[in-house]
Protein backbone atom coordinates (compact mmCIF):
# COMPACT_ATOMS: atom_id res chain seq x y z
CA MET A 1 3.10 -21.86 -4.29
CA GLY A 2 4.94 -18.67 -4.60
CA ILE A 3 3.47 -16.01 -2.15
CA ARG A 4 4.83 -12.41 -2.04
CA CYS A 5 3.97 -9.75 0.60
CA GLY A 6 5.20 -6.25 -0.13
CA ILE A 7 6.37 -4.03 2.78
CA VAL A 8 5.03 -0.65 1.98
CA GLY A 9 5.08 2.88 3.70
CA LEU A 10 6.47 6.39 3.76
CA PRO A 11 10.25 6.84 3.97
CA ASN A 12 11.82 6.43 7.46
CA VAL A 13 8.95 4.54 9.03
CA GLY A 14 11.14 1.52 9.70
CA LYS A 15 10.41 -0.74 6.63
CA SER A 16 13.94 -1.70 6.03
CA THR A 17 14.83 -2.33 9.68
CA LEU A 18 11.65 -4.54 9.86
CA PHE A 19 12.71 -6.43 6.73
CA ASN A 20 16.09 -7.00 8.06
CA ALA A 21 14.66 -8.47 11.19
CA ILE A 22 12.08 -10.58 9.28
CA THR A 23 14.86 -12.04 7.13
CA ALA A 24 17.34 -12.19 10.01
CA SER A 25 19.82 -10.49 7.63
CA SER A 26 21.39 -7.15 6.85
CA GLN A 27 20.74 -7.20 3.07
CA ALA A 28 18.35 -4.12 3.23
CA ALA A 29 20.14 -0.85 3.95
CA ALA A 30 18.49 0.96 6.89
CA GLU A 31 19.68 4.60 7.18
CA ASN A 32 18.09 7.68 8.49
CA TYR A 33 17.35 9.47 5.18
CA PRO A 34 14.53 9.19 2.56
CA PHE A 35 14.80 6.82 -0.40
CA CYS A 36 17.46 4.65 1.27
CA THR A 37 15.79 1.70 -0.51
CA ILE A 38 15.60 2.01 -4.30
CA GLU A 39 15.68 -1.52 -5.66
CA PRO A 40 13.28 -3.87 -3.69
CA ASN A 41 14.97 -6.39 -1.45
CA THR A 42 13.39 -9.79 -1.17
CA GLY A 43 13.62 -12.52 1.51
CA VAL A 44 12.02 -15.90 1.83
CA VAL A 45 10.74 -16.25 5.49
CA PRO A 46 9.48 -19.52 7.17
CA VAL A 47 5.92 -19.34 8.59
CA PRO A 48 6.30 -20.03 12.40
CA ASP A 49 4.44 -23.27 13.04
CA GLY A 50 5.25 -25.52 16.09
CA ARG A 51 3.22 -28.35 14.58
CA ILE A 52 6.30 -29.21 12.40
CA ARG A 53 8.37 -30.01 15.57
CA GLU A 54 5.60 -31.98 17.12
CA LEU A 55 5.24 -34.14 13.91
CA SER A 56 9.05 -34.51 13.68
CA ALA A 57 9.24 -35.73 17.35
CA LEU A 58 7.07 -38.68 16.32
CA VAL A 59 8.37 -39.34 12.87
CA ASN A 60 12.17 -38.60 13.33
CA PRO A 61 12.64 -37.36 9.74
CA ASP A 62 15.92 -36.51 8.02
CA ARG A 63 14.73 -32.88 7.64
CA GLU A 64 11.98 -30.42 8.42
CA VAL A 65 10.63 -28.05 5.71
CA PRO A 66 8.30 -25.17 6.81
CA ALA A 67 5.93 -23.17 4.78
CA THR A 68 7.35 -19.93 3.53
CA ILE A 69 6.37 -16.52 2.51
CA GLU A 70 8.47 -14.05 0.47
CA PHE A 71 8.63 -10.49 1.71
CA VAL A 72 9.57 -7.64 -0.44
CA ASP A 73 10.97 -4.41 1.01
CA ILE A 74 9.58 -1.77 -1.35
CA ALA A 75 11.00 1.89 -1.16
CA GLY A 76 9.21 4.57 0.65
CA LEU A 77 6.46 6.35 -1.25
CA VAL A 78 5.80 10.12 -0.84
CA LYS A 79 3.04 12.55 -1.87
CA GLY A 80 3.12 12.87 -5.67
CA ALA A 81 4.46 9.27 -6.26
CA ALA A 82 1.83 8.57 -8.88
CA GLN A 83 3.28 11.53 -10.88
CA GLY A 84 6.74 10.24 -10.47
CA GLU A 85 7.87 12.08 -7.26
CA GLY A 86 10.63 10.27 -5.36
CA LEU A 87 10.96 7.66 -8.23
CA GLY A 88 7.26 6.98 -7.47
CA ASN A 89 6.34 5.23 -10.69
CA GLN A 90 9.06 2.72 -10.33
CA PHE A 91 8.06 2.03 -6.71
CA LEU A 92 4.47 1.67 -7.50
CA SER A 93 5.23 -0.91 -10.16
CA HIS A 94 6.98 -3.03 -7.51
CA ILE A 95 3.83 -2.98 -5.49
CA ARG A 96 1.78 -4.34 -8.49
CA GLU A 97 3.99 -7.50 -8.36
CA VAL A 98 3.09 -8.63 -4.88
CA ASP A 99 0.07 -10.54 -3.60
CA ALA A 100 -0.57 -8.53 -0.45
CA ILE A 101 0.63 -5.43 1.32
CA ALA A 102 2.03 -4.99 4.88
CA HIS A 103 1.64 -1.25 5.29
CA VAL A 104 4.16 0.02 7.95
CA VAL A 105 3.04 3.08 9.77
CA ARG A 106 5.13 4.97 12.15
CA ALA A 107 3.78 4.92 15.66
CA PHE A 108 6.62 6.38 17.81
CA ASP A 109 8.23 9.71 18.61
CA ASP A 110 12.01 10.09 18.13
CA PRO A 111 13.54 13.56 17.26
CA ASN A 112 16.71 11.75 15.96
CA VAL A 113 14.54 9.84 13.18
CA ILE A 114 13.46 12.27 10.52
CA HIS A 115 9.80 11.98 9.40
CA VAL A 116 9.41 12.93 5.71
CA ASP A 117 6.44 15.32 6.63
CA GLY A 118 8.06 16.68 9.89
CA SER A 119 5.70 15.10 12.33
CA VAL A 120 4.06 11.76 13.25
CA ASP A 121 0.46 11.42 12.29
CA PRO A 122 -0.68 7.81 11.44
CA LYS A 123 -4.01 9.01 9.79
CA ARG A 124 -2.24 11.48 7.55
CA ASP A 125 0.39 9.01 6.60
CA ILE A 126 -2.02 6.25 5.76
CA GLU A 127 -3.99 8.68 3.53
CA VAL A 128 -0.90 9.74 1.71
CA ILE A 129 -0.10 6.25 0.71
CA GLU A 130 -3.72 5.21 -0.11
CA THR A 131 -4.10 8.37 -2.29
CA GLU A 132 -1.11 7.64 -4.28
CA LEU A 133 -2.23 4.03 -4.85
CA ILE A 134 -5.63 5.22 -5.91
CA LEU A 135 -4.12 7.74 -8.44
CA LYS A 136 -2.00 5.03 -10.02
CA ASP A 137 -5.09 2.83 -10.22
CA LEU A 138 -7.10 5.56 -11.87
CA GLU A 139 -4.39 5.72 -14.63
CA THR A 140 -4.70 1.95 -15.20
CA LEU A 141 -8.51 2.16 -15.17
CA ASP A 142 -8.66 5.05 -17.70
CA LYS A 143 -6.73 3.08 -20.25
CA LYS A 144 -9.06 0.05 -19.97
CA ALA A 145 -12.17 2.34 -19.86
CA ASP A 146 -11.22 4.15 -23.10
CA ALA A 147 -10.70 0.87 -24.96
CA ALA A 148 -13.99 -0.51 -23.67
CA GLN A 149 -15.91 2.60 -24.57
CA ARG A 150 -14.66 2.50 -28.17
CA LYS A 151 -15.66 -1.16 -28.38
CA GLY A 152 -19.08 -0.43 -26.85
CA LYS A 153 -19.93 2.00 -29.58
CA THR A 154 -19.99 -0.85 -31.98
CA GLY A 155 -23.08 -2.12 -30.13
CA ASP A 156 -21.39 -5.04 -28.45
CA PRO A 157 -23.47 -5.48 -25.26
CA LYS A 158 -20.74 -7.08 -23.20
CA ALA A 159 -18.37 -4.16 -24.13
CA LYS A 160 -21.02 -1.63 -23.05
CA ALA A 161 -21.41 -3.56 -19.76
CA GLU A 162 -17.67 -3.48 -19.25
CA ALA A 163 -17.51 0.24 -19.98
CA ASP A 164 -20.30 0.85 -17.46
CA PHE A 165 -18.44 -1.19 -14.82
CA TYR A 166 -15.18 0.99 -15.39
CA GLU A 167 -17.26 4.16 -14.97
CA ARG A 168 -18.78 2.89 -11.59
CA LEU A 169 -15.41 1.90 -10.54
CA ARG A 170 -13.84 5.30 -11.42
CA ASP A 171 -16.55 7.00 -9.33
CA HIS A 172 -15.78 4.69 -6.52
CA LEU A 173 -12.03 5.38 -6.65
CA THR A 174 -12.40 9.21 -6.99
CA LYS A 175 -14.22 9.25 -3.70
CA SER A 176 -11.06 7.98 -2.12
CA ARG A 177 -12.42 4.46 -1.73
CA LEU A 178 -10.13 1.47 -2.34
CA ALA A 179 -10.86 -1.06 -5.08
CA ARG A 180 -11.03 -3.97 -2.63
CA TYR A 181 -14.24 -2.41 -1.24
CA PHE A 182 -15.93 -2.06 -4.59
CA PRO A 183 -19.12 -4.02 -4.84
CA ILE A 184 -18.91 -6.78 -7.51
CA ALA A 185 -22.16 -7.60 -9.25
CA SER A 186 -21.03 -10.50 -11.51
CA GLU A 187 -18.37 -13.02 -12.43
CA ASP A 188 -17.50 -10.80 -15.54
CA GLU A 189 -17.01 -7.87 -13.17
CA GLN A 190 -14.80 -10.06 -10.94
CA ASP A 191 -12.70 -10.95 -13.96
CA TRP A 192 -12.37 -7.35 -15.25
CA LEU A 193 -11.29 -6.23 -11.85
CA ARG A 194 -8.74 -9.00 -11.41
CA GLU A 195 -7.25 -8.44 -14.91
CA MET A 196 -6.28 -4.86 -13.92
CA HIS A 197 -4.04 -5.90 -11.04
CA LEU A 198 -5.12 -2.78 -9.24
CA LEU A 199 -2.83 -1.72 -6.29
CA THR A 200 -5.88 -0.85 -3.98
CA ALA A 201 -7.49 -4.30 -4.64
CA LYS A 202 -4.67 -6.04 -2.86
CA PRO A 203 -5.30 -7.25 0.76
CA VAL A 204 -3.62 -5.04 3.43
CA LEU A 205 -2.54 -5.40 7.05
CA TYR A 206 -1.19 -2.50 9.02
CA VAL A 207 2.20 -2.81 10.87
CA ALA A 208 2.30 -0.32 13.73
CA ASN A 209 6.03 0.26 14.05
CA THR A 210 6.32 1.58 17.72
CA ASP A 211 8.86 1.84 20.50
CA GLU A 212 9.46 -0.52 23.33
CA GLN A 213 6.88 1.06 25.64
CA GLY A 214 4.25 1.09 22.80
CA VAL A 215 4.73 -2.47 21.95
CA ILE A 216 4.04 -3.56 25.56
CA GLU A 217 1.52 -0.85 26.70
CA GLY A 218 0.12 0.62 23.41
CA ASN A 219 -0.12 4.28 22.65
CA ALA A 220 -2.32 6.91 21.01
CA TYR A 221 -0.75 6.26 17.66
CA ILE A 222 -1.44 2.61 17.74
CA THR A 223 -5.02 3.42 18.80
CA ALA A 224 -5.36 5.67 15.68
CA ILE A 225 -4.14 2.99 13.41
CA ARG A 226 -6.60 0.38 15.03
CA GLU A 227 -9.54 2.73 14.37
CA ILE A 228 -8.66 3.06 10.75
CA ALA A 229 -8.13 -0.60 10.39
CA GLU A 230 -11.41 -1.46 12.19
CA LYS A 231 -13.42 0.54 9.69
CA GLU A 232 -11.74 -1.41 6.87
CA GLY A 233 -11.92 -4.77 8.48
CA ALA A 234 -8.05 -4.88 8.52
CA ARG A 235 -5.71 -6.34 10.97
CA VAL A 236 -3.09 -4.33 13.01
CA VAL A 237 0.27 -5.99 14.19
CA PRO A 238 2.08 -3.67 16.62
CA ILE A 239 5.90 -4.27 16.31
CA CYS A 240 9.04 -2.55 17.60
CA ALA A 241 11.28 -3.11 14.64
CA LYS A 242 14.25 -1.92 16.71
CA ILE A 243 13.55 -4.63 19.30
CA GLU A 244 13.18 -7.21 16.67
CA MET A 245 16.40 -6.32 15.00
CA GLU A 246 18.22 -6.70 18.37
CA LEU A 247 16.48 -10.01 19.03
CA VAL A 248 17.60 -11.65 15.75
CA GLU A 249 21.26 -10.45 16.46
CA LEU A 250 21.28 -12.43 19.79
CA PRO A 251 22.30 -16.08 20.08
CA GLU A 252 19.24 -18.17 19.81
CA ASP A 253 19.60 -19.55 23.54
CA GLU A 254 19.48 -15.79 24.75
CA ARG A 255 16.34 -14.78 22.77
CA VAL A 256 13.78 -16.26 25.28
CA HIS A 257 15.45 -14.52 28.26
CA PHE A 258 15.45 -11.16 26.24
CA LEU A 259 11.69 -11.69 25.44
CA GLN A 260 10.93 -12.46 29.15
CA GLU A 261 12.68 -9.41 30.32
CA LEU A 262 10.38 -7.41 28.13
CA GLY A 263 7.29 -9.11 29.14
CA LEU A 264 6.66 -10.66 25.65
CA LYS A 265 5.66 -14.13 24.79
CA GLU A 266 7.13 -14.40 21.38
CA PRO A 267 8.75 -12.16 18.82
CA GLY A 268 6.41 -9.69 17.08
CA LEU A 269 7.64 -11.00 13.68
CA ASN A 270 5.96 -14.40 14.34
CA ALA A 271 2.65 -12.57 14.66
CA LEU A 272 3.45 -10.48 11.53
CA VAL A 273 4.31 -13.54 9.39
CA ARG A 274 1.24 -15.52 10.45
CA ALA A 275 -0.89 -12.47 9.99
CA ALA A 276 0.40 -12.09 6.37
CA TYR A 277 -0.35 -15.85 5.63
CA ASP A 278 -3.75 -15.52 6.97
CA LEU A 279 -4.45 -12.28 5.07
CA LEU A 280 -3.77 -14.20 1.85
CA GLY A 281 -6.29 -16.70 2.74
CA LEU A 282 -3.71 -19.44 3.12
CA GLN A 283 -3.57 -22.61 5.27
CA THR A 284 -1.06 -25.48 5.84
CA TYR A 285 -1.34 -29.14 5.43
CA PHE A 286 1.47 -31.60 6.16
CA THR A 287 3.25 -34.62 4.80
CA ALA A 288 5.13 -36.65 7.33
CA GLY A 289 7.52 -39.51 6.64
CA PRO A 290 11.08 -40.66 7.43
CA LYS A 291 12.68 -38.50 4.72
CA GLU A 292 10.99 -35.22 5.72
CA VAL A 293 8.16 -33.49 7.56
CA ARG A 294 7.04 -30.69 5.31
CA ALA A 295 4.36 -27.91 5.58
CA TRP A 296 2.64 -27.17 2.30
CA THR A 297 0.78 -23.97 1.58
CA VAL A 298 -2.71 -24.12 0.01
CA ARG A 299 -5.53 -21.64 -0.21
CA LYS A 300 -8.45 -22.05 2.22
CA GLY A 301 -11.25 -24.00 0.50
CA ALA A 302 -8.93 -25.90 -1.77
CA LYS A 303 -9.96 -29.41 -2.65
CA ALA A 304 -7.68 -32.49 -2.40
CA PRO A 305 -6.44 -32.53 -6.07
CA GLU A 306 -5.38 -28.80 -5.81
CA ALA A 307 -3.47 -29.62 -2.66
CA ALA A 308 -1.79 -32.48 -4.41
CA ALA A 309 -0.73 -30.13 -7.28
CA VAL A 310 1.23 -28.08 -4.80
CA ILE A 311 3.59 -31.10 -4.48
CA HIS A 312 3.69 -31.71 -8.15
CA THR A 313 1.20 -31.20 -11.08
CA ASP A 314 1.35 -34.89 -11.88
CA PHE A 315 -0.33 -35.62 -8.48
CA GLU A 316 -3.38 -33.62 -9.51
CA LYS A 317 -3.51 -35.08 -13.07
CA GLY A 318 -3.38 -38.64 -11.77
CA PHE A 319 -5.21 -38.12 -8.51
CA ILE A 320 -6.92 -41.21 -7.16
CA ARG A 321 -7.51 -40.40 -3.56
CA ALA A 322 -5.98 -38.71 -0.52
CA GLU A 323 -5.44 -40.40 2.82
CA VAL A 324 -6.07 -37.89 5.56
CA MET A 325 -5.30 -37.81 9.29
CA LYS A 326 -6.10 -34.89 11.55
CA PHE A 327 -3.04 -33.29 13.14
CA ARG A 328 -4.38 -33.84 16.69
CA ASP A 329 -5.30 -37.36 16.13
CA PHE A 330 -1.77 -38.09 14.85
CA ILE A 331 -0.22 -36.37 17.85
CA ARG A 332 -2.50 -38.05 20.36
CA LEU A 333 -2.21 -41.61 19.01
CA LYS A 334 1.54 -41.15 18.18
CA SER A 335 1.62 -43.03 14.87
CA GLU A 336 -0.18 -43.45 11.58
CA ALA A 337 -0.71 -47.12 12.23
CA ALA A 338 -2.47 -46.24 15.47
CA VAL A 339 -4.53 -43.61 13.79
CA ARG A 340 -5.54 -46.25 11.05
CA GLU A 341 -6.46 -48.77 13.80
CA ALA A 342 -8.67 -46.22 15.54
CA GLY A 343 -10.54 -45.74 12.25
CA LEU A 344 -9.53 -42.18 12.04
CA LEU A 345 -7.47 -42.28 8.78
CA ARG A 346 -9.93 -41.49 6.07
CA SER A 347 -9.69 -42.01 2.35
CA GLU A 348 -11.11 -38.89 0.62
CA GLY A 349 -11.86 -38.26 -3.02
CA ARG A 350 -11.73 -35.32 -5.33
CA GLU A 351 -14.36 -33.20 -3.66
CA TYR A 352 -12.65 -33.29 -0.18
CA ILE A 353 -11.99 -29.78 1.05
CA VAL A 354 -8.54 -29.68 2.86
CA GLU A 355 -8.56 -28.33 6.37
CA ASP A 356 -5.68 -26.56 8.18
CA GLY A 357 -3.36 -29.09 9.82
CA ASP A 358 -4.42 -32.10 7.84
CA VAL A 359 -1.70 -34.81 7.52
CA MET A 360 -2.00 -36.11 4.05
CA HIS A 361 -0.66 -38.87 1.62
CA PHE A 362 -1.77 -38.82 -1.99
CA ARG A 363 -2.46 -41.84 -4.16
CA PHE A 364 -2.19 -41.11 -7.89
CA ASN A 365 -1.58 -42.75 -11.23
CA VAL A 366 0.17 -41.15 -14.22
């Protein structure tokens, strides 16, 4: 399943440097001036998951295929973007095309790196981005509301309910509240909200781009971002994009030593990619055989036929059953035959809800 996470923030907060590090490339220009990025850069990134190697050590496959997420580096937004400032309308349309947002917020001082507003203030910076997203959503909402109101005047009760819904949502947005916190009262309202693809309805995590000291010890800027995120129920991932870029430029055998010198257990990017995966409500199941060990992405709560469809739609159409082993059982007992002999390989039907880490084989007939 194609999953896209947009990297969003003000100009010069470190978005492109972060993107370059995430994708271990230099395809996104990273210069010290606003609007360095105009066209969005994209990169497909593997989801860090040590379970693939554990499975491969037992199965010895020809190849390993991890789960992936596509990150999109979207140009910096500025105050007035919803009215077209800084090519704002173009940039906002790029946000509409992603599934989730990684909002990069500057959390470091450096006189040599220009801030578009002249100073570092995470609360103000977050509010600027959110305000522009809300203003753009109000434009979208007004078009839908006008059409619903005209139809509602004909006496159509559903059209009137839809028009009333848009009015309540408009009131919510004009109070600087994001669409993802709007209370939904019915399935119809859920559908109306989903159809608009509102920018502020997308799930968000905050990336606190800080300096070396900040990523190890924290600082007041990161604390301010955490306080905002806590009120929203959002996650914060502190990262030093500069360190991450230096890390990916090192030979792989030197990276562990570099992290140890800094007192870090793993690259911050691993935490970011996993957080983005979790933000979207995703989980992983595995297939394991001599040809490949592969991680497949499926939404949390998915049933077995939906998981089968991720491999091929024919698997869902002709679904008979799923043979399921738990990852830990497979690793502990060291083979599928041993899991079967222990009575821990289960045959599950269409109503089985897939769990993270399941090792699955599908039986189907087309």
